[in-house]
Amino acid sequence: MEYAKDEVFQIRYNTKLNKIGEIPENWTSKMWEKIKAHKLFTTTIAVLSVFTMINIVMIWSFMKILQNI
């Protein structure tokens, strides 16, 4: 029953085409579906970006220490 209710609210009347049509998906919902489908790839990219930021901060900090000597 819940599935039927969800499907009913996904459909609306399209006045431009003069017929009933589905609600178009926006880019965020499409991106969220791809993230949920490709969890390993998304996790790998997230971890690599975090490690890259940490690496940049550590190099910057090391350069500041070297300047103070």
PDB file of N, CA and C in Angstrom:
ATOM      1  N   MET A   1       0.816  -1.192   0.000  1.00  0.00           N
ATOM      2  CA  MET A   1       0.000   0.000   0.000  1.00  0.00           C
ATOM      3  C   MET A   1       0.860   1.257   0.000  1.00  0.00           C
ATOM      4  N   GLU A   2       1.943   1.246   0.769  1.00  0.00           N
ATOM      5  CA  GLU A   2       2.829   2.409   0.819  1.00  0.00           C
ATOM      6  C   GLU A   2       3.476   2.657  -0.545  1.00  0.00           C
ATOM      7  N   TYR A   3       3.809   1.584  -1.245  1.00  0.00           N
ATOM      8  CA  TYR A   3       4.416   1.725  -2.572  1.00  0.00           C
ATOM      9  C   TYR A   3       3.441   2.413  -3.526  1.00  0.00           C
ATOM     10  N   ALA A   4       2.184   2.058  -3.459  1.00  0.00           N
ATOM     11  CA  ALA A   4       1.174   2.663  -4.330  1.00  0.00           C
ATOM     12  C   ALA A   4       1.021   4.155  -4.025  1.00  0.00           C
ATOM     13  N   LYS A   5       1.090   4.520  -2.757  1.00  0.00           N
ATOM     14  CA  LYS A   5       0.969   5.932  -2.391  1.00  0.00           C
ATOM     15  C   LYS A   5       2.156   6.733  -2.921  1.00  0.00           C
ATOM     16  N   ASP A   6       3.341   6.161  -2.825  1.00  0.00           N
ATOM     17  CA  ASP A   6       4.528   6.852  -3.318  1.00  0.00           C
ATOM     18  C   ASP A   6       4.459   7.060  -4.819  1.00  0.00           C
ATOM     19  N   GLU A   7       3.985   6.079  -5.543  1.00  0.00           N
ATOM     20  CA  GLU A   7       3.900   6.189  -6.994  1.00  0.00           C
ATOM     21  C   GLU A   7       2.839   7.203  -7.418  1.00  0.00           C
ATOM     22  N   VAL A   8       1.785   7.345  -6.689  1.00  0.00           N
ATOM     23  CA  VAL A   8       0.729   8.302  -7.031  1.00  0.00           C
ATOM     24  C   VAL A   8       1.265   9.722  -6.922  1.00  0.00           C
ATOM     25  N   PHE A   9       2.040   9.994  -5.903  1.00  0.00           N
ATOM     26  CA  PHE A   9       2.543  11.347  -5.707  1.00  0.00           C
ATOM     27  C   PHE A   9       3.683  11.690  -6.662  1.00  0.00           C
ATOM     28  N   GLN A  10       4.219  10.728  -7.376  1.00  0.00           N
ATOM     29  CA  GLN A  10       5.279  10.979  -8.339  1.00  0.00           C
ATOM     30  C   GLN A  10       4.727  11.458  -9.687  1.00  0.00           C
ATOM     31  N   ILE A  11       3.441  11.366  -9.889  1.00  0.00           N
ATOM     32  CA  ILE A  11       2.835  11.704 -11.181  1.00  0.00           C
ATOM     33  C   ILE A  11       2.007  12.982 -11.032  1.00  0.00           C
ATOM     34  N   ARG A  12       2.091  13.860 -12.042  1.00  0.00           N
ATOM     35  CA  ARG A  12       1.291  15.080 -12.038  1.00  0.00           C
ATOM     36  C   ARG A  12       0.874  15.408 -13.468  1.00  0.00           C
ATOM     37  N   TYR A  13      -0.028  16.351 -13.588  1.00  0.00           N
ATOM     38  CA  TYR A  13      -0.531  16.746 -14.891  1.00  0.00           C
ATOM     39  C   TYR A  13       0.415  17.753 -15.527  1.00  0.00           C
ATOM     40  N   ASN A  14       0.873  17.475 -16.751  1.00  0.00           N
ATOM     41  CA  ASN A  14       1.786  18.348 -17.476  1.00  0.00           C
ATOM     42  C   ASN A  14       0.966  19.235 -18.402  1.00  0.00           C
ATOM     43  N   THR A  15       0.899  20.528 -18.119  1.00  0.00           N
ATOM     44  CA  THR A  15       0.062  21.434 -18.903  1.00  0.00           C
ATOM     45  C   THR A  15       0.665  21.748 -20.266  1.00  0.00           C
ATOM     46  N   LYS A  16       1.993  21.689 -20.385  1.00  0.00           N
ATOM     47  CA  LYS A  16       2.621  21.993 -21.673  1.00  0.00           C
ATOM     48  C   LYS A  16       2.311  20.916 -22.704  1.00  0.00           C
ATOM     49  N   LEU A  17       2.360  19.652 -22.279  1.00  0.00           N
ATOM     50  CA  LEU A  17       2.084  18.557 -23.204  1.00  0.00           C
ATOM     51  C   LEU A  17       0.623  18.133 -23.185  1.00  0.00           C
ATOM     52  N   ASN A  18      -0.171  18.714 -22.250  1.00  0.00           N
ATOM     53  CA  ASN A  18      -1.590  18.418 -22.112  1.00  0.00           C
ATOM     54  C   ASN A  18      -1.834  16.934 -21.832  1.00  0.00           C
ATOM     55  N   LYS A  19      -1.008  16.381 -20.960  1.00  0.00           N
ATOM     56  CA  LYS A  19      -1.202  14.995 -20.564  1.00  0.00           C
ATOM     57  C   LYS A  19      -0.538  14.765 -19.206  1.00  0.00           C
ATOM     58  N   ILE A  20      -0.796  13.617 -18.647  1.00  0.00           N
ATOM     59  CA  ILE A  20      -0.218  13.272 -17.354  1.00  0.00           C
ATOM     60  C   ILE A  20       1.200  12.781 -17.568  1.00  0.00           C
ATOM     61  N   GLY A  21       2.127  13.278 -16.741  1.00  0.00           N
ATOM     62  CA  GLY A  21       3.520  12.868 -16.859  1.00  0.00           C
ATOM     63  C   GLY A  21       4.176  12.782 -15.503  1.00  0.00           C
ATOM     64  N   GLU A  22       5.345  12.171 -15.466  1.00  0.00           N
ATOM     65  CA  GLU A  22       6.077  12.048 -14.220  1.00  0.00           C
ATOM     66  C   GLU A  22       6.815  13.351 -13.911  1.00  0.00           C
ATOM     67  N   ILE A  23       7.116  13.544 -12.634  1.00  0.00           N
ATOM     68  CA  ILE A  23       7.878  14.718 -12.207  1.00  0.00           C
ATOM     69  C   ILE A  23       9.323  14.518 -12.640  1.00  0.00           C
ATOM     70  N   PRO A  24       9.906  15.475 -13.350  1.00  0.00           N
ATOM     71  CA  PRO A  24      11.303  15.306 -13.770  1.00  0.00           C
ATOM     72  C   PRO A  24      12.244  15.364 -12.567  1.00  0.00           C
ATOM     73  N   GLU A  25      13.284  14.537 -12.624  1.00  0.00           N
ATOM     74  CA  GLU A  25      14.254  14.514 -11.535  1.00  0.00           C
ATOM     75  C   GLU A  25      15.239  15.663 -11.690  1.00  0.00           C
ATOM     76  N   ASN A  26      15.647  16.247 -10.586  1.00  0.00           N
ATOM     77  CA  ASN A  26      16.660  17.283 -10.656  1.00  0.00           C
ATOM     78  C   ASN A  26      18.040  16.640 -10.539  1.00  0.00           C
ATOM     79  N   TRP A  27      19.086  17.436 -10.728  1.00  0.00           N
ATOM     80  CA  TRP A  27      20.431  16.879 -10.798  1.00  0.00           C
ATOM     81  C   TRP A  27      20.908  16.347  -9.459  1.00  0.00           C
ATOM     82  N   THR A  28      20.395  16.894  -8.358  1.00  0.00           N
ATOM     83  CA  THR A  28      20.842  16.417  -7.051  1.00  0.00           C
ATOM     84  C   THR A  28      20.311  15.023  -6.758  1.00  0.00           C
ATOM     85  N   SER A  29      19.082  14.760  -7.129  1.00  0.00           N
ATOM     86  CA  SER A  29      18.541  13.423  -6.881  1.00  0.00           C
ATOM     87  C   SER A  29      19.212  12.387  -7.780  1.00  0.00           C
ATOM     88  N   LYS A  30      19.554  12.770  -9.006  1.00  0.00           N
ATOM     89  CA  LYS A  30      20.278  11.847  -9.884  1.00  0.00           C
ATOM     90  C   LYS A  30      21.667  11.551  -9.326  1.00  0.00           C
ATOM     91  N   MET A  31      22.342  12.605  -8.812  1.00  0.00           N
ATOM     92  CA  MET A  31      23.667  12.421  -8.251  1.00  0.00           C
ATOM     93  C   MET A  31      23.592  11.553  -6.992  1.00  0.00           C
ATOM     94  N   TRP A  32      22.579  11.756  -6.156  1.00  0.00           N
ATOM     95  CA  TRP A  32      22.422  10.968  -4.943  1.00  0.00           C
ATOM     96  C   TRP A  32      22.198   9.494  -5.278  1.00  0.00           C
ATOM     97  N   GLU A  33      21.437   9.207  -6.326  1.00  0.00           N
ATOM     98  CA  GLU A  33      21.215   7.819  -6.744  1.00  0.00           C
ATOM     99  C   GLU A  33      22.519   7.176  -7.219  1.00  0.00           C
ATOM    100  N   LYS A  34      23.351   7.924  -7.945  1.00  0.00           N
ATOM    101  CA  LYS A  34      24.630   7.387  -8.397  1.00  0.00           C
ATOM    102  C   LYS A  34      25.571   7.144  -7.229  1.00  0.00           C
ATOM    103  N   ILE A  35      25.539   8.030  -6.232  1.00  0.00           N
ATOM    104  CA  ILE A  35      26.371   7.840  -5.045  1.00  0.00           C
ATOM    105  C   ILE A  35      25.946   6.577  -4.305  1.00  0.00           C
ATOM    106  N   LYS A  36      24.643   6.367  -4.174  1.00  0.00           N
ATOM    107  CA  LYS A  36      24.167   5.170  -3.489  1.00  0.00           C
ATOM    108  C   LYS A  36      24.482   3.906  -4.275  1.00  0.00           C
ATOM    109  N   ALA A  37      24.512   4.003  -5.602  1.00  0.00           N
ATOM    110  CA  ALA A  37      24.784   2.826  -6.423  1.00  0.00           C
ATOM    111  C   ALA A  37      26.260   2.475  -6.454  1.00  0.00           C
ATOM    112  N   HIS A  38      27.145   3.468  -6.366  1.00  0.00           N
ATOM    113  CA  HIS A  38      28.596   3.246  -6.472  1.00  0.00           C
ATOM    114  C   HIS A  38      29.277   3.628  -5.160  1.00  0.00           C
ATOM    115  N   LYS A  39      29.009   2.881  -4.115  1.00  0.00           N
ATOM    116  CA  LYS A  39      29.513   3.219  -2.784  1.00  0.00           C
ATOM    117  C   LYS A  39      31.023   3.083  -2.689  1.00  0.00           C
ATOM    118  N   LEU A  40      31.602   2.049  -3.287  1.00  0.00           N
ATOM    119  CA  LEU A  40      33.054   1.845  -3.206  1.00  0.00           C
ATOM    120  C   LEU A  40      33.799   2.982  -3.895  1.00  0.00           C
ATOM    121  N   PHE A  41      33.368   3.353  -5.085  1.00  0.00           N
ATOM    122  CA  PHE A  41      34.005   4.437  -5.833  1.00  0.00           C
ATOM    123  C   PHE A  41      33.881   5.763  -5.079  1.00  0.00           C
ATOM    124  N   THR A  42      32.702   6.035  -4.526  1.00  0.00           N
ATOM    125  CA  THR A  42      32.468   7.271  -3.788  1.00  0.00           C
ATOM    126  C   THR A  42      33.327   7.324  -2.525  1.00  0.00           C
ATOM    127  N   THR A  43      33.419   6.201  -1.824  1.00  0.00           N
ATOM    128  CA  THR A  43      34.237   6.146  -0.615  1.00  0.00           C
ATOM    129  C   THR A  43      35.704   6.357  -0.954  1.00  0.00           C
ATOM    130  N   THR A  44      36.174   5.756  -2.035  1.00  0.00           N
ATOM    131  CA  THR A  44      37.563   5.910  -2.455  1.00  0.00           C
ATOM    132  C   THR A  44      37.877   7.362  -2.784  1.00  0.00           C
ATOM    133  N   ILE A  45      37.020   8.026  -3.516  1.00  0.00           N
ATOM    134  CA  ILE A  45      37.225   9.428  -3.873  1.00  0.00           C
ATOM    135  C   ILE A  45      37.214  10.302  -2.624  1.00  0.00           C
ATOM    136  N   ALA A  46      36.305  10.046  -1.697  1.00  0.00           N
ATOM    137  CA  ALA A  46      36.224  10.839  -0.473  1.00  0.00           C
ATOM    138  C   ALA A  46      37.483  10.668   0.367  1.00  0.00           C
ATOM    139  N   VAL A  47      37.964   9.439   0.520  1.00  0.00           N
ATOM    140  CA  VAL A  47      39.165   9.185   1.318  1.00  0.00           C
ATOM    141  C   VAL A  47      40.385   9.822   0.665  1.00  0.00           C
ATOM    142  N   LEU A  48      40.500   9.707  -0.646  1.00  0.00           N
ATOM    143  CA  LEU A  48      41.638  10.318  -1.338  1.00  0.00           C
ATOM    144  C   LEU A  48      41.629  11.840  -1.208  1.00  0.00           C
ATOM    145  N   SER A  49      40.471  12.447  -1.278  1.00  0.00           N
ATOM    146  CA  SER A  49      40.412  13.902  -1.143  1.00  0.00           C
ATOM    147  C   SER A  49      40.756  14.339   0.283  1.00  0.00           C
ATOM    148  N   VAL A  50      40.327  13.578   1.291  1.00  0.00           N
ATOM    149  CA  VAL A  50      40.674  13.909   2.677  1.00  0.00           C
ATOM    150  C   VAL A  50      42.172  13.772   2.885  1.00  0.00           C
ATOM    151  N   PHE A  51      42.771  12.694   2.403  1.00  0.00           N
ATOM    152  CA  PHE A  51      44.215  12.519   2.543  1.00  0.00           C
ATOM    153  C   PHE A  51      44.997  13.595   1.797  1.00  0.00           C
ATOM    154  N   THR A  52      44.494  14.034   0.668  1.00  0.00           N
ATOM    155  CA  THR A  52      45.152  15.113  -0.073  1.00  0.00           C
ATOM    156  C   THR A  52      45.125  16.414   0.720  1.00  0.00           C
ATOM    157  N   MET A  53      43.981  16.724   1.312  1.00  0.00           N
ATOM    158  CA  MET A  53      43.899  17.946   2.125  1.00  0.00           C
ATOM    159  C   MET A  53      44.824  17.862   3.336  1.00  0.00           C
ATOM    160  N   ILE A  54      44.867  16.713   3.995  1.00  0.00           N
ATOM    161  CA  ILE A  54      45.766  16.541   5.141  1.00  0.00           C
ATOM    162  C   ILE A  54      47.217  16.703   4.717  1.00  0.00           C
ATOM    163  N   ASN A  55      47.570  16.135   3.575  1.00  0.00           N
ATOM    164  CA  ASN A  55      48.928  16.238   3.060  1.00  0.00           C
ATOM    165  C   ASN A  55      49.306  17.695   2.784  1.00  0.00           C
ATOM    166  N   ILE A  56      48.421  18.458   2.182  1.00  0.00           N
ATOM    167  CA  ILE A  56      48.690  19.865   1.887  1.00  0.00           C
ATOM    168  C   ILE A  56      48.884  20.651   3.173  1.00  0.00           C
ATOM    169  N   VAL A  57      48.049  20.401   4.171  1.00  0.00           N
ATOM    170  CA  VAL A  57      48.174  21.106   5.451  1.00  0.00           C
ATOM    171  C   VAL A  57      49.492  20.746   6.124  1.00  0.00           C
ATOM    172  N   MET A  58      49.879  19.493   6.080  1.00  0.00           N
ATOM    173  CA  MET A  58      51.140  19.079   6.715  1.00  0.00           C
ATOM    174  C   MET A  58      52.349  19.688   6.004  1.00  0.00           C
ATOM    175  N   ILE A  59      52.327  19.759   4.679  1.00  0.00           N
ATOM    176  CA  ILE A  59      53.424  20.379   3.938  1.00  0.00           C
ATOM    177  C   ILE A  59      53.490  21.874   4.249  1.00  0.00           C
ATOM    178  N   TRP A  60      52.345  22.537   4.296  1.00  0.00           N
ATOM    179  CA  TRP A  60      52.307  23.965   4.621  1.00  0.00           C
ATOM    180  C   TRP A  60      52.848  24.218   6.023  1.00  0.00           C
ATOM    181  N   SER A  61      52.456  23.364   6.960  1.00  0.00           N
ATOM    182  CA  SER A  61      52.932  23.487   8.333  1.00  0.00           C
ATOM    183  C   SER A  61      54.446  23.255   8.410  1.00  0.00           C
ATOM    184  N   PHE A  62      54.947  22.293   7.683  1.00  0.00           N
ATOM    185  CA  PHE A  62      56.378  22.018   7.668  1.00  0.00           C
ATOM    186  C   PHE A  62      57.153  23.195   7.087  1.00  0.00           C
ATOM    187  N   MET A  63      56.643  23.823   6.059  1.00  0.00           N
ATOM    188  CA  MET A  63      57.293  24.987   5.474  1.00  0.00           C
ATOM    189  C   MET A  63      57.317  26.160   6.465  1.00  0.00           C
ATOM    190  N   LYS A  64      56.239  26.323   7.219  1.00  0.00           N
ATOM    191  CA  LYS A  64      56.212  27.371   8.246  1.00  0.00           C
ATOM    192  C   LYS A  64      57.261  27.099   9.319  1.00  0.00           C
ATOM    193  N   ILE A  65      57.439  25.854   9.704  1.00  0.00           N
ATOM    194  CA  ILE A  65      58.441  25.495  10.715  1.00  0.00           C
ATOM    195  C   ILE A  65      59.849  25.781  10.171  1.00  0.00           C
ATOM    196  N   LEU A  66      60.076  25.439   8.905  1.00  0.00           N
ATOM    197  CA  LEU A  66      61.380  25.691   8.305  1.00  0.00           C
ATOM    198  C   LEU A  66      61.673  27.190   8.198  1.00  0.00           C
ATOM    199  N   GLN A  67      60.687  28.010   7.969  1.00  0.00           N
ATOM    200  CA  GLN A  67      60.896  29.451   7.878  1.00  0.00           C
ATOM    201  C   GLN A  67      61.279  30.053   9.229  1.00  0.00           C
ATOM    202  N   ASN A  68      60.793  29.455  10.310  1.00  0.00           N
ATOM    203  CA  ASN A  68      61.081  29.981  11.641  1.00  0.00           C
ATOM    204  C   ASN A  68      62.472  29.607  12.140  1.00  0.00           C
ATOM    205  N   ILE A  69      63.125  28.660  11.516  1.00  0.00           N
ATOM    206  CA  ILE A  69      64.477  28.246  11.982  1.00  0.00           C
ATOM    207  C   ILE A  69      65.514  29.266  11.573  1.00  0.00           C
TER     208      ILE A  69
END
